[in-house]
Amino acid sequence: MENKNIKDVAIADKALLTLEEAAKYFNIGINKLRIMTNEENCPYVVWNGSKRLIKRKPFEEYLYRSYSI
């Protein structure tokens, strides 16, 4: 089994995305993502200290149900 650096994992294979990764993956600006994830009980965000991570699958589901963002 090949040792891979965690940064070498493809974005599509990650469960949690940084704002920068999510912006690239979903083609949404980082500022828009910050606005969308600022709610205290946002269902598709997990906080690691002060670092905001987006849960990829729940956020995908949210986008598929949305008409506009």
C-alpha atoms as a PDB file:
ATOM      1  CA  MET A   1       0.000   0.000   0.000  1.00  0.00           C
ATOM      2  CA  GLU A   2       1.400   3.323  -1.051  1.00  0.00           C
ATOM      3  CA  ASN A   3       1.791   6.050   1.572  1.00  0.00           C
ATOM      4  CA  LYS A   4      -0.008   9.163   0.442  1.00  0.00           C
ATOM      5  CA  ASN A   5       0.297  12.554   1.978  1.00  0.00           C
ATOM      6  CA  ILE A   6      -3.130  13.767   3.152  1.00  0.00           C
ATOM      7  CA  LYS A   7      -2.846  16.691   0.726  1.00  0.00           C
ATOM      8  CA  ASP A   8      -2.554  14.227  -2.173  1.00  0.00           C
ATOM      9  CA  VAL A   9      -6.104  12.927  -1.674  1.00  0.00           C
ATOM     10  CA  ALA A  10      -8.456  14.038  -4.439  1.00  0.00           C
ATOM     11  CA  ILE A  11     -11.092  16.567  -3.396  1.00  0.00           C
ATOM     12  CA  ALA A  12     -13.846  14.244  -4.637  1.00  0.00           C
ATOM     13  CA  ASP A  13     -12.606  11.563  -2.199  1.00  0.00           C
ATOM     14  CA  LYS A  14     -12.678  13.821   0.868  1.00  0.00           C
ATOM     15  CA  ALA A  15     -15.605  13.916   3.272  1.00  0.00           C
ATOM     16  CA  LEU A  16     -14.652  17.350   4.650  1.00  0.00           C
ATOM     17  CA  LEU A  17     -13.512  20.256   2.514  1.00  0.00           C
ATOM     18  CA  THR A  18     -11.794  23.502   3.422  1.00  0.00           C
ATOM     19  CA  LEU A  19     -13.391  26.677   2.084  1.00  0.00           C
ATOM     20  CA  GLU A  20     -10.768  26.818  -0.659  1.00  0.00           C
ATOM     21  CA  GLU A  21     -11.396  23.199  -1.713  1.00  0.00           C
ATOM     22  CA  ALA A  22     -15.168  23.671  -1.590  1.00  0.00           C
ATOM     23  CA  ALA A  23     -14.906  26.823  -3.709  1.00  0.00           C
ATOM     24  CA  LYS A  24     -13.031  24.884  -6.394  1.00  0.00           C
ATOM     25  CA  TYR A  25     -15.214  21.775  -6.179  1.00  0.00           C
ATOM     26  CA  PHE A  26     -18.585  23.554  -6.214  1.00  0.00           C
ATOM     27  CA  ASN A  27     -17.550  26.599  -8.271  1.00  0.00           C
ATOM     28  CA  ILE A  28     -18.804  28.960  -5.547  1.00  0.00           C
ATOM     29  CA  GLY A  29     -16.808  31.904  -4.228  1.00  0.00           C
ATOM     30  CA  ILE A  30     -15.152  31.683  -0.828  1.00  0.00           C
ATOM     31  CA  ASN A  31     -16.992  34.770   0.453  1.00  0.00           C
ATOM     32  CA  LYS A  32     -20.344  33.262  -0.585  1.00  0.00           C
ATOM     33  CA  LEU A  33     -19.401  30.015   1.192  1.00  0.00           C
ATOM     34  CA  ARG A  34     -18.543  31.979   4.343  1.00  0.00           C
ATOM     35  CA  ILE A  35     -21.943  33.683   4.255  1.00  0.00           C
ATOM     36  CA  MET A  36     -23.731  30.373   3.666  1.00  0.00           C
ATOM     37  CA  THR A  37     -21.896  28.664   6.537  1.00  0.00           C
ATOM     38  CA  ASN A  38     -22.022  31.396   9.183  1.00  0.00           C
ATOM     39  CA  GLU A  39     -25.180  30.091  10.877  1.00  0.00           C
ATOM     40  CA  GLU A  40     -24.499  28.583  14.280  1.00  0.00           C
ATOM     41  CA  ASN A  41     -26.260  25.285  13.540  1.00  0.00           C
ATOM     42  CA  CYS A  42     -25.422  24.985   9.856  1.00  0.00           C
ATOM     43  CA  PRO A  43     -26.083  21.308   8.966  1.00  0.00           C
ATOM     44  CA  TYR A  44     -23.200  20.995   6.514  1.00  0.00           C
ATOM     45  CA  VAL A  45     -20.379  22.588   8.540  1.00  0.00           C
ATOM     46  CA  VAL A  46     -18.094  21.144  11.175  1.00  0.00           C
ATOM     47  CA  TRP A  47     -15.639  23.276  13.118  1.00  0.00           C
ATOM     48  CA  ASN A  48     -12.137  22.115  13.963  1.00  0.00           C
ATOM     49  CA  GLY A  49     -11.194  24.815  16.448  1.00  0.00           C
ATOM     50  CA  SER A  50     -11.561  27.996  14.418  1.00  0.00           C
ATOM     51  CA  LYS A  51     -11.242  26.149  11.102  1.00  0.00           C
ATOM     52  CA  ARG A  52     -14.508  25.758   9.172  1.00  0.00           C
ATOM     53  CA  LEU A  53     -14.874  22.536   7.187  1.00  0.00           C
ATOM     54  CA  ILE A  54     -17.730  21.776   4.815  1.00  0.00           C
ATOM     55  CA  LYS A  55     -19.306  18.323   4.835  1.00  0.00           C
ATOM     56  CA  ARG A  56     -19.197  17.511   1.122  1.00  0.00           C
ATOM     57  CA  LYS A  57     -22.183  15.158   0.762  1.00  0.00           C
ATOM     58  CA  PRO A  58     -24.677  17.125   2.901  1.00  0.00           C
ATOM     59  CA  PHE A  59     -23.646  20.329   1.099  1.00  0.00           C
ATOM     60  CA  GLU A  60     -24.102  18.625  -2.293  1.00  0.00           C
ATOM     61  CA  GLU A  61     -27.589  17.528  -1.231  1.00  0.00           C
ATOM     62  CA  TYR A  62     -28.398  21.056  -0.088  1.00  0.00           C
ATOM     63  CA  LEU A  63     -27.296  22.473  -3.449  1.00  0.00           C
ATOM     64  CA  TYR A  64     -29.302  19.903  -5.427  1.00  0.00           C
ATOM     65  CA  ARG A  65     -32.456  20.918  -3.518  1.00  0.00           C
ATOM     66  CA  SER A  66     -31.798  24.656  -3.917  1.00  0.00           C
ATOM     67  CA  TYR A  67     -33.137  26.841  -6.702  1.00  0.00           C
ATOM     68  CA  SER A  68     -30.578  29.598  -6.082  1.00  0.00           C
ATOM     69  CA  ILE A  69     -27.881  30.492  -3.592  1.00  0.00           C
END
